[in-house]
């Protein structure tokens, strides 16, 4: 399968209207998957377009990338990676770990899963971070998202920090 990669931060200007609509549809799918696992998520149709705008801006303003997997004319997946930096006054991390990469979102259309596209998207995010001297890439997934956790662990990710939450 031929995959055409778009790695530029100016992706918003290179997307066709059809591709942008496909990305919004993927975001709706991702959000609905998360909503099924966690009641604190907004419905996908309410947030998808504006959230993709936010992610495009976030990637551009944080030396990140909005990586897309395009087969033919169809966007079949995307991965958003940003760089985050700890405040220099925060001394709990070693200096060479204060700059980190973070995958904020990753999804592959269900009809294209199990073809290595998700792996390739995350590997591209890793390469993006390595090229910028980043020593650690983080991503978050819902604790209940067993398939995602297994996929990320197969890529070499390991549980690092656990965040506990309580609804008030």
N, C-alpha and C. Protein backbone atom coordinates (compact mmCIF):
# COMPACT_ATOMS: atom_id res chain seq x y z
N UNK A 1 0.84 -1.17 0.00
CA UNK A 1 0.00 0.00 0.00
C UNK A 1 0.89 1.23 0.00
N UNK A 2 0.65 2.13 -0.89
CA UNK A 2 1.41 3.37 -1.02
C UNK A 2 0.85 4.41 -0.06
N UNK A 3 1.73 4.99 0.77
CA UNK A 3 1.30 6.02 1.71
C UNK A 3 2.06 7.30 1.41
N UNK A 4 1.35 8.38 1.21
CA UNK A 4 1.94 9.67 0.94
C UNK A 4 1.91 10.47 2.24
N UNK A 5 3.11 10.84 2.73
CA UNK A 5 3.20 11.54 4.01
C UNK A 5 3.23 13.04 3.85
N UNK A 6 2.54 13.72 4.74
CA UNK A 6 2.60 15.17 4.84
C UNK A 6 3.11 15.50 6.23
N UNK A 7 4.32 16.04 6.32
CA UNK A 7 4.93 16.29 7.61
C UNK A 7 5.04 17.76 7.98
N UNK A 8 4.69 18.62 7.07
CA UNK A 8 4.88 20.05 7.30
C UNK A 8 3.90 20.60 8.33
N UNK A 9 4.37 21.58 9.10
CA UNK A 9 3.49 22.26 10.05
C UNK A 9 2.44 23.10 9.35
N UNK A 10 2.66 23.39 8.10
CA UNK A 10 1.70 24.21 7.34
C UNK A 10 0.66 23.32 6.67
N UNK A 11 0.44 22.15 7.23
CA UNK A 11 -0.49 21.19 6.63
C UNK A 11 -1.85 21.79 6.35
N UNK A 12 -2.30 22.69 7.21
CA UNK A 12 -3.63 23.28 7.02
C UNK A 12 -3.75 23.94 5.65
N UNK A 13 -2.66 24.45 5.13
CA UNK A 13 -2.72 25.10 3.82
C UNK A 13 -2.56 24.11 2.69
N UNK A 14 -2.12 22.87 2.98
CA UNK A 14 -1.92 21.89 1.92
C UNK A 14 -3.05 20.89 1.82
N UNK A 15 -3.97 20.91 2.77
CA UNK A 15 -5.09 19.99 2.75
C UNK A 15 -6.16 20.45 1.77
N UNK A 16 -6.71 19.51 1.03
CA UNK A 16 -7.89 19.85 0.23
C UNK A 16 -9.09 19.87 1.16
N UNK A 17 -10.18 20.43 0.71
CA UNK A 17 -11.40 20.47 1.52
C UNK A 17 -11.86 19.04 1.83
N UNK A 18 -11.76 18.15 0.86
CA UNK A 18 -12.17 16.76 1.05
C UNK A 18 -11.29 16.10 2.11
N UNK A 19 -9.98 16.33 2.05
CA UNK A 19 -9.08 15.74 3.04
C UNK A 19 -9.37 16.29 4.44
N UNK A 20 -9.64 17.58 4.53
CA UNK A 20 -9.96 18.16 5.84
C UNK A 20 -11.24 17.53 6.39
N UNK A 21 -12.23 17.33 5.53
CA UNK A 21 -13.47 16.68 5.97
C UNK A 21 -13.19 15.25 6.45
N UNK A 22 -12.26 14.56 5.78
CA UNK A 22 -11.90 13.20 6.18
C UNK A 22 -11.21 13.20 7.55
N UNK A 23 -10.35 14.18 7.78
CA UNK A 23 -9.69 14.30 9.08
C UNK A 23 -10.72 14.59 10.17
N UNK A 24 -11.66 15.48 9.89
CA UNK A 24 -12.72 15.76 10.85
C UNK A 24 -13.52 14.49 11.16
N UNK A 25 -13.80 13.69 10.14
CA UNK A 25 -14.55 12.44 10.35
C UNK A 25 -13.74 11.47 11.21
N UNK A 26 -12.43 11.40 10.98
CA UNK A 26 -11.58 10.55 11.82
C UNK A 26 -11.58 11.04 13.27
N UNK A 27 -11.54 12.37 13.45
CA UNK A 27 -11.58 12.92 14.80
C UNK A 27 -12.90 12.57 15.48
N UNK A 28 -14.00 12.61 14.73
CA UNK A 28 -15.29 12.22 15.30
C UNK A 28 -15.24 10.76 15.75
N UNK A 29 -14.64 9.89 14.93
CA UNK A 29 -14.52 8.47 15.31
C UNK A 29 -13.69 8.31 16.58
N UNK A 30 -12.56 9.01 16.63
CA UNK A 30 -11.70 8.92 17.81
C UNK A 30 -12.44 9.39 19.05
N UNK A 31 -13.14 10.50 18.93
CA UNK A 31 -13.86 11.05 20.08
C UNK A 31 -14.96 10.11 20.54
N UNK A 32 -15.68 9.51 19.60
CA UNK A 32 -16.76 8.59 19.98
C UNK A 32 -16.20 7.33 20.63
N UNK A 33 -15.03 6.87 20.18
CA UNK A 33 -14.36 5.73 20.83
C UNK A 33 -14.02 6.09 22.27
N UNK A 34 -13.46 7.28 22.47
CA UNK A 34 -13.12 7.72 23.82
C UNK A 34 -14.37 7.94 24.67
N UNK A 35 -15.42 8.47 24.05
CA UNK A 35 -16.67 8.72 24.77
C UNK A 35 -17.29 7.43 25.29
N UNK A 36 -17.13 6.36 24.54
CA UNK A 36 -17.65 5.06 24.97
C UNK A 36 -16.91 4.55 26.21
N UNK A 37 -15.69 5.05 26.41
CA UNK A 37 -14.87 4.62 27.54
C UNK A 37 -14.88 5.59 28.71
N UNK A 38 -15.22 6.85 28.44
CA UNK A 38 -15.14 7.88 29.49
C UNK A 38 -16.24 8.92 29.29
N UNK A 39 -17.03 9.12 30.33
CA UNK A 39 -18.19 10.01 30.23
C UNK A 39 -17.84 11.49 30.18
N UNK A 40 -16.56 11.84 30.33
CA UNK A 40 -16.20 13.26 30.33
C UNK A 40 -15.91 13.81 28.93
N UNK A 41 -16.09 13.02 27.91
CA UNK A 41 -15.79 13.44 26.54
C UNK A 41 -17.02 14.04 25.86
N UNK A 42 -16.79 15.12 25.11
CA UNK A 42 -17.87 15.73 24.32
C UNK A 42 -18.17 14.83 23.13
N UNK A 43 -19.35 15.01 22.55
CA UNK A 43 -19.67 14.22 21.36
C UNK A 43 -18.81 14.66 20.20
N UNK A 44 -18.47 13.71 19.35
CA UNK A 44 -17.56 13.97 18.24
C UNK A 44 -18.07 15.01 17.27
N UNK A 45 -19.37 14.98 16.97
CA UNK A 45 -19.91 15.93 16.00
C UNK A 45 -19.85 17.36 16.52
N UNK A 46 -19.83 17.55 17.84
CA UNK A 46 -19.79 18.88 18.43
C UNK A 46 -18.39 19.48 18.36
N UNK A 47 -17.37 18.65 18.52
CA UNK A 47 -16.03 19.19 18.72
C UNK A 47 -15.04 18.95 17.60
N UNK A 48 -15.33 18.07 16.68
CA UNK A 48 -14.31 17.59 15.74
C UNK A 48 -13.62 18.70 14.95
N UNK A 49 -14.36 19.51 14.24
CA UNK A 49 -13.75 20.52 13.37
C UNK A 49 -12.91 21.51 14.17
N UNK A 50 -13.46 22.03 15.25
CA UNK A 50 -12.71 23.00 16.06
C UNK A 50 -11.51 22.36 16.74
N UNK A 51 -11.64 21.11 17.14
CA UNK A 51 -10.51 20.44 17.79
C UNK A 51 -9.38 20.18 16.80
N UNK A 52 -9.71 19.85 15.57
CA UNK A 52 -8.67 19.68 14.55
C UNK A 52 -7.98 21.02 14.30
N UNK A 53 -8.74 22.12 14.25
CA UNK A 53 -8.12 23.45 14.14
C UNK A 53 -7.13 23.67 15.28
N UNK A 54 -7.56 23.33 16.49
CA UNK A 54 -6.71 23.48 17.67
C UNK A 54 -5.44 22.64 17.52
N UNK A 55 -5.58 21.40 17.09
CA UNK A 55 -4.41 20.52 16.95
C UNK A 55 -3.44 21.02 15.87
N UNK A 56 -3.98 21.52 14.77
CA UNK A 56 -3.12 22.09 13.73
C UNK A 56 -2.33 23.28 14.28
N UNK A 57 -3.01 24.15 15.02
CA UNK A 57 -2.33 25.30 15.63
C UNK A 57 -1.31 24.85 16.67
N UNK A 58 -1.68 23.88 17.48
CA UNK A 58 -0.79 23.36 18.52
C UNK A 58 0.48 22.78 17.90
N UNK A 59 0.32 21.99 16.86
CA UNK A 59 1.49 21.39 16.20
C UNK A 59 2.40 22.47 15.63
N UNK A 60 1.81 23.46 15.02
CA UNK A 60 2.61 24.52 14.41
C UNK A 60 3.31 25.38 15.46
N UNK A 61 2.64 25.66 16.56
CA UNK A 61 3.22 26.56 17.55
C UNK A 61 4.16 25.86 18.52
N UNK A 62 4.19 24.54 18.53
CA UNK A 62 5.03 23.80 19.46
C UNK A 62 6.02 22.90 18.74
N UNK A 63 6.53 23.34 17.60
CA UNK A 63 7.53 22.60 16.82
C UNK A 63 7.11 21.15 16.58
N UNK A 64 5.82 20.96 16.42
CA UNK A 64 5.30 19.62 16.22
C UNK A 64 5.00 19.33 14.78
N UNK A 65 4.19 18.32 14.59
CA UNK A 65 3.78 17.93 13.25
C UNK A 65 2.40 17.31 13.31
N UNK A 66 1.64 17.54 12.27
CA UNK A 66 0.35 16.89 12.09
C UNK A 66 0.56 15.93 10.93
N UNK A 67 0.83 14.69 11.27
CA UNK A 67 1.21 13.67 10.29
C UNK A 67 -0.04 12.99 9.76
N UNK A 68 -0.12 12.87 8.46
CA UNK A 68 -1.29 12.22 7.87
C UNK A 68 -0.87 11.06 7.00
N UNK A 69 -1.65 10.01 7.02
CA UNK A 69 -1.48 8.89 6.11
C UNK A 69 -2.55 9.02 5.05
N UNK A 70 -2.13 9.17 3.82
CA UNK A 70 -3.07 9.36 2.72
C UNK A 70 -2.85 8.25 1.71
N UNK A 71 -3.91 7.54 1.42
CA UNK A 71 -3.88 6.50 0.41
C UNK A 71 -4.75 6.98 -0.75
N UNK A 72 -4.14 7.16 -1.91
CA UNK A 72 -4.86 7.77 -3.02
C UNK A 72 -5.21 9.19 -2.66
N UNK A 73 -6.48 9.49 -2.60
CA UNK A 73 -6.95 10.82 -2.18
C UNK A 73 -7.57 10.79 -0.79
N UNK A 74 -7.52 9.65 -0.13
CA UNK A 74 -8.21 9.50 1.15
C UNK A 74 -7.25 9.56 2.32
N UNK A 75 -7.57 10.42 3.29
CA UNK A 75 -6.83 10.45 4.56
C UNK A 75 -7.35 9.27 5.37
N UNK A 76 -6.45 8.32 5.68
CA UNK A 76 -6.86 7.11 6.40
C UNK A 76 -6.35 7.11 7.84
N UNK A 77 -5.57 8.11 8.21
CA UNK A 77 -5.10 8.19 9.58
C UNK A 77 -4.33 9.46 9.81
N UNK A 78 -4.18 9.80 11.09
CA UNK A 78 -3.33 10.94 11.43
C UNK A 78 -2.75 10.75 12.82
N UNK A 79 -1.67 11.48 13.06
CA UNK A 79 -0.98 11.48 14.34
C UNK A 79 -0.48 12.88 14.58
N UNK A 80 -0.76 13.42 15.75
CA UNK A 80 -0.31 14.76 16.12
C UNK A 80 0.77 14.62 17.17
N UNK A 81 1.92 15.24 16.92
CA UNK A 81 3.01 15.24 17.89
C UNK A 81 3.44 16.68 18.14
N UNK A 82 3.67 17.00 19.40
CA UNK A 82 4.15 18.33 19.78
C UNK A 82 5.37 18.17 20.67
N UNK A 83 6.11 19.26 20.84
CA UNK A 83 7.22 19.27 21.78
C UNK A 83 6.80 20.10 22.99
N UNK A 84 7.10 19.58 24.17
CA UNK A 84 6.79 20.29 25.40
C UNK A 84 8.09 20.47 26.18
N UNK A 85 8.18 21.57 26.91
CA UNK A 85 9.40 21.84 27.66
C UNK A 85 9.04 22.23 29.09
N UNK A 86 9.71 21.56 30.01
CA UNK A 86 9.51 21.88 31.43
C UNK A 86 10.15 23.24 31.72
N UNK A 87 9.61 23.93 32.67
CA UNK A 87 10.18 25.19 33.13
C UNK A 87 11.59 24.92 33.65
N UNK A 88 12.54 25.75 33.28
CA UNK A 88 13.94 25.55 33.71
C UNK A 88 14.09 25.56 35.23
N UNK A 89 13.15 26.18 35.93
CA UNK A 89 13.22 26.21 37.39
C UNK A 89 12.72 24.92 38.03
N UNK A 90 12.04 24.09 37.25
CA UNK A 90 11.54 22.81 37.75
C UNK A 90 12.70 21.82 37.71
N UNK A 91 13.16 21.44 38.86
CA UNK A 91 14.40 20.66 38.96
C UNK A 91 14.17 19.15 39.12
N UNK A 92 12.94 18.69 39.01
CA UNK A 92 12.70 17.27 39.26
C UNK A 92 13.16 16.37 38.12
N UNK A 93 13.36 16.92 36.92
CA UNK A 93 13.83 16.13 35.79
C UNK A 93 15.28 16.48 35.45
N UNK A 94 16.00 15.48 34.96
CA UNK A 94 17.34 15.76 34.44
C UNK A 94 17.21 16.69 33.24
N UNK A 95 18.20 17.53 33.01
CA UNK A 95 18.13 18.53 31.95
C UNK A 95 17.81 17.93 30.58
N UNK A 96 18.40 16.77 30.26
CA UNK A 96 18.20 16.23 28.92
C UNK A 96 16.82 15.58 28.75
N UNK A 97 15.98 15.59 29.79
CA UNK A 97 14.61 15.10 29.66
C UNK A 97 13.58 16.22 29.83
N UNK A 98 14.04 17.46 29.91
CA UNK A 98 13.10 18.58 30.07
C UNK A 98 12.37 18.91 28.78
N UNK A 99 12.96 18.56 27.65
CA UNK A 99 12.29 18.71 26.36
C UNK A 99 11.76 17.33 25.98
N UNK A 100 10.46 17.23 25.80
CA UNK A 100 9.86 15.93 25.48
C UNK A 100 8.90 16.08 24.31
N UNK A 101 8.69 14.99 23.63
CA UNK A 101 7.65 14.93 22.62
C UNK A 101 6.39 14.38 23.25
N UNK A 102 5.26 14.75 22.68
CA UNK A 102 3.99 14.22 23.16
C UNK A 102 3.07 13.97 21.97
N UNK A 103 2.63 12.73 21.84
CA UNK A 103 1.61 12.41 20.85
C UNK A 103 0.27 12.75 21.50
N UNK A 104 -0.44 13.71 20.91
CA UNK A 104 -1.71 14.12 21.50
C UNK A 104 -2.88 13.29 20.97
N UNK A 105 -2.79 12.87 19.72
CA UNK A 105 -3.87 12.11 19.10
C UNK A 105 -3.29 11.23 18.01
N UNK A 106 -3.84 10.03 17.88
CA UNK A 106 -3.48 9.15 16.77
C UNK A 106 -4.69 8.27 16.48
N UNK A 107 -5.00 8.14 15.20
CA UNK A 107 -6.12 7.30 14.78
C UNK A 107 -5.87 6.81 13.36
N UNK A 108 -6.33 5.60 13.10
CA UNK A 108 -6.35 5.03 11.75
C UNK A 108 -7.78 4.56 11.50
N UNK A 109 -8.29 4.88 10.32
CA UNK A 109 -9.63 4.44 9.95
C UNK A 109 -9.74 2.93 10.14
N UNK A 110 -10.82 2.46 10.76
CA UNK A 110 -10.95 1.03 11.03
C UNK A 110 -10.78 0.14 9.79
N UNK A 111 -11.16 0.63 8.63
CA UNK A 111 -11.01 -0.19 7.41
C UNK A 111 -9.56 -0.30 6.97
N UNK A 112 -8.68 0.49 7.56
CA UNK A 112 -7.25 0.45 7.20
C UNK A 112 -6.37 0.03 8.37
N UNK A 113 -6.98 -0.42 9.46
CA UNK A 113 -6.19 -0.87 10.60
C UNK A 113 -5.57 -2.24 10.30
N UNK A 114 -4.56 -2.56 11.08
CA UNK A 114 -3.83 -3.84 10.97
C UNK A 114 -3.03 -3.93 9.66
N UNK A 115 -2.65 -2.76 9.13
CA UNK A 115 -1.84 -2.71 7.90
C UNK A 115 -0.52 -1.98 8.13
N UNK A 116 -0.21 -1.66 9.38
CA UNK A 116 1.03 -0.99 9.71
C UNK A 116 0.98 0.52 9.61
N UNK A 117 -0.18 1.08 9.33
CA UNK A 117 -0.29 2.53 9.17
C UNK A 117 -0.10 3.24 10.51
N UNK A 118 -0.76 2.75 11.55
CA UNK A 118 -0.60 3.36 12.88
C UNK A 118 0.84 3.30 13.34
N UNK A 119 1.47 2.15 13.15
CA UNK A 119 2.88 1.98 13.52
C UNK A 119 3.74 3.00 12.75
N UNK A 120 3.49 3.13 11.47
CA UNK A 120 4.29 4.04 10.65
C UNK A 120 4.06 5.49 11.06
N UNK A 121 2.83 5.86 11.41
CA UNK A 121 2.56 7.21 11.89
C UNK A 121 3.32 7.50 13.18
N UNK A 122 3.28 6.57 14.13
CA UNK A 122 3.98 6.78 15.40
C UNK A 122 5.49 6.77 15.18
N UNK A 123 5.99 5.93 14.29
CA UNK A 123 7.42 5.93 13.97
C UNK A 123 7.84 7.26 13.36
N UNK A 124 6.96 7.86 12.56
CA UNK A 124 7.26 9.18 12.00
C UNK A 124 7.29 10.24 13.10
N UNK A 125 6.41 10.11 14.09
CA UNK A 125 6.43 11.03 15.23
C UNK A 125 7.73 10.87 16.02
N UNK A 126 8.17 9.62 16.19
CA UNK A 126 9.44 9.36 16.88
C UNK A 126 10.59 10.01 16.11
N UNK A 127 10.61 9.82 14.80
CA UNK A 127 11.68 10.41 13.97
C UNK A 127 11.65 11.94 14.05
N UNK A 128 10.45 12.52 14.05
CA UNK A 128 10.30 13.97 14.16
C UNK A 128 10.96 14.46 15.46
N UNK A 129 10.71 13.76 16.54
CA UNK A 129 11.27 14.15 17.84
C UNK A 129 12.78 13.93 17.88
N UNK A 130 13.24 12.79 17.40
CA UNK A 130 14.67 12.51 17.40
C UNK A 130 15.45 13.55 16.61
N UNK A 131 14.89 14.01 15.50
CA UNK A 131 15.55 15.01 14.66
C UNK A 131 15.69 16.34 15.39
N UNK A 132 14.92 16.53 16.45
CA UNK A 132 14.96 17.78 17.23
C UNK A 132 15.64 17.59 18.57
N UNK A 133 16.33 16.46 18.74
CA UNK A 133 17.11 16.23 19.95
C UNK A 133 16.29 15.79 21.16
N UNK A 134 15.06 15.39 20.93
CA UNK A 134 14.19 14.97 22.03
C UNK A 134 14.60 13.56 22.47
N UNK A 135 14.64 13.34 23.77
CA UNK A 135 15.06 12.05 24.32
C UNK A 135 13.91 11.18 24.77
N UNK A 136 12.68 11.74 24.83
CA UNK A 136 11.55 10.95 25.32
C UNK A 136 10.27 11.39 24.62
N UNK A 137 9.51 10.42 24.18
CA UNK A 137 8.20 10.68 23.58
C UNK A 137 7.14 10.05 24.46
N UNK A 138 6.13 10.85 24.80
CA UNK A 138 5.06 10.39 25.67
C UNK A 138 3.75 10.40 24.90
N UNK A 139 2.84 9.57 25.35
CA UNK A 139 1.47 9.63 24.85
C UNK A 139 0.56 9.17 25.96
N UNK A 140 -0.68 9.62 25.90
CA UNK A 140 -1.66 9.23 26.90
C UNK A 140 -2.78 8.47 26.21
N UNK A 141 -3.32 7.51 26.92
CA UNK A 141 -4.51 6.83 26.46
C UNK A 141 -5.38 6.56 27.68
N UNK A 142 -6.64 6.43 27.45
CA UNK A 142 -7.53 6.13 28.55
C UNK A 142 -7.19 4.76 29.13
N UNK A 143 -7.26 4.65 30.44
CA UNK A 143 -6.90 3.40 31.13
C UNK A 143 -7.72 2.23 30.60
N UNK A 144 -8.96 2.47 30.17
CA UNK A 144 -9.84 1.42 29.70
C UNK A 144 -9.60 1.04 28.24
N UNK A 145 -8.75 1.77 27.53
CA UNK A 145 -8.54 1.53 26.10
C UNK A 145 -7.48 0.43 25.91
N UNK A 146 -7.87 -0.78 26.19
CA UNK A 146 -6.96 -1.92 26.15
C UNK A 146 -6.32 -2.12 24.78
N UNK A 147 -7.06 -2.02 23.66
CA UNK A 147 -6.40 -2.20 22.36
C UNK A 147 -5.31 -1.15 22.09
N UNK A 148 -5.57 0.10 22.45
CA UNK A 148 -4.57 1.15 22.24
C UNK A 148 -3.35 0.91 23.11
N UNK A 149 -3.57 0.56 24.37
CA UNK A 149 -2.44 0.29 25.26
C UNK A 149 -1.58 -0.84 24.70
N UNK A 150 -2.20 -1.90 24.21
CA UNK A 150 -1.44 -3.02 23.65
C UNK A 150 -0.66 -2.59 22.41
N UNK A 151 -1.28 -1.79 21.56
CA UNK A 151 -0.60 -1.32 20.35
C UNK A 151 0.60 -0.44 20.70
N UNK A 152 0.44 0.45 21.66
CA UNK A 152 1.54 1.33 22.04
C UNK A 152 2.67 0.55 22.71
N UNK A 153 2.32 -0.41 23.53
CA UNK A 153 3.36 -1.22 24.16
C UNK A 153 4.10 -2.07 23.13
N UNK A 154 3.41 -2.50 22.08
CA UNK A 154 4.07 -3.24 21.00
C UNK A 154 5.07 -2.37 20.25
N UNK A 155 4.86 -1.06 20.30
CA UNK A 155 5.79 -0.11 19.68
C UNK A 155 6.94 0.28 20.61
N UNK A 156 6.95 -0.26 21.82
CA UNK A 156 8.02 0.02 22.75
C UNK A 156 7.68 1.00 23.86
N UNK A 157 6.48 1.57 23.83
CA UNK A 157 6.06 2.46 24.91
C UNK A 157 5.81 1.61 26.15
N UNK A 158 6.02 2.21 27.30
CA UNK A 158 5.76 1.52 28.56
C UNK A 158 5.04 2.48 29.49
N UNK A 159 4.25 1.93 30.41
CA UNK A 159 3.62 2.83 31.38
C UNK A 159 4.70 3.64 32.10
N UNK A 160 4.46 4.92 32.27
CA UNK A 160 5.48 5.81 32.84
C UNK A 160 4.96 6.52 34.08
N UNK A 161 3.87 7.24 33.93
CA UNK A 161 3.22 7.91 35.05
C UNK A 161 1.76 7.50 35.03
N UNK A 162 1.18 7.37 36.18
CA UNK A 162 -0.24 7.04 36.25
C UNK A 162 -0.94 8.24 36.87
N UNK A 163 -1.98 8.70 36.21
CA UNK A 163 -2.75 9.82 36.70
C UNK A 163 -4.06 9.27 37.24
N UNK A 164 -4.35 9.57 38.49
CA UNK A 164 -5.61 9.18 39.10
C UNK A 164 -6.54 10.39 39.09
N UNK A 165 -7.81 10.14 38.83
CA UNK A 165 -8.78 11.24 38.78
C UNK A 165 -10.01 10.88 39.61
N UNK A 166 -10.65 11.92 40.10
CA UNK A 166 -11.92 11.75 40.82
C UNK A 166 -12.89 12.80 40.29
N UNK A 167 -14.10 12.37 39.98
CA UNK A 167 -15.11 13.32 39.56
C UNK A 167 -15.65 14.02 40.79
N UNK A 168 -15.76 15.32 40.74
CA UNK A 168 -16.25 16.11 41.88
C UNK A 168 -17.63 16.69 41.57
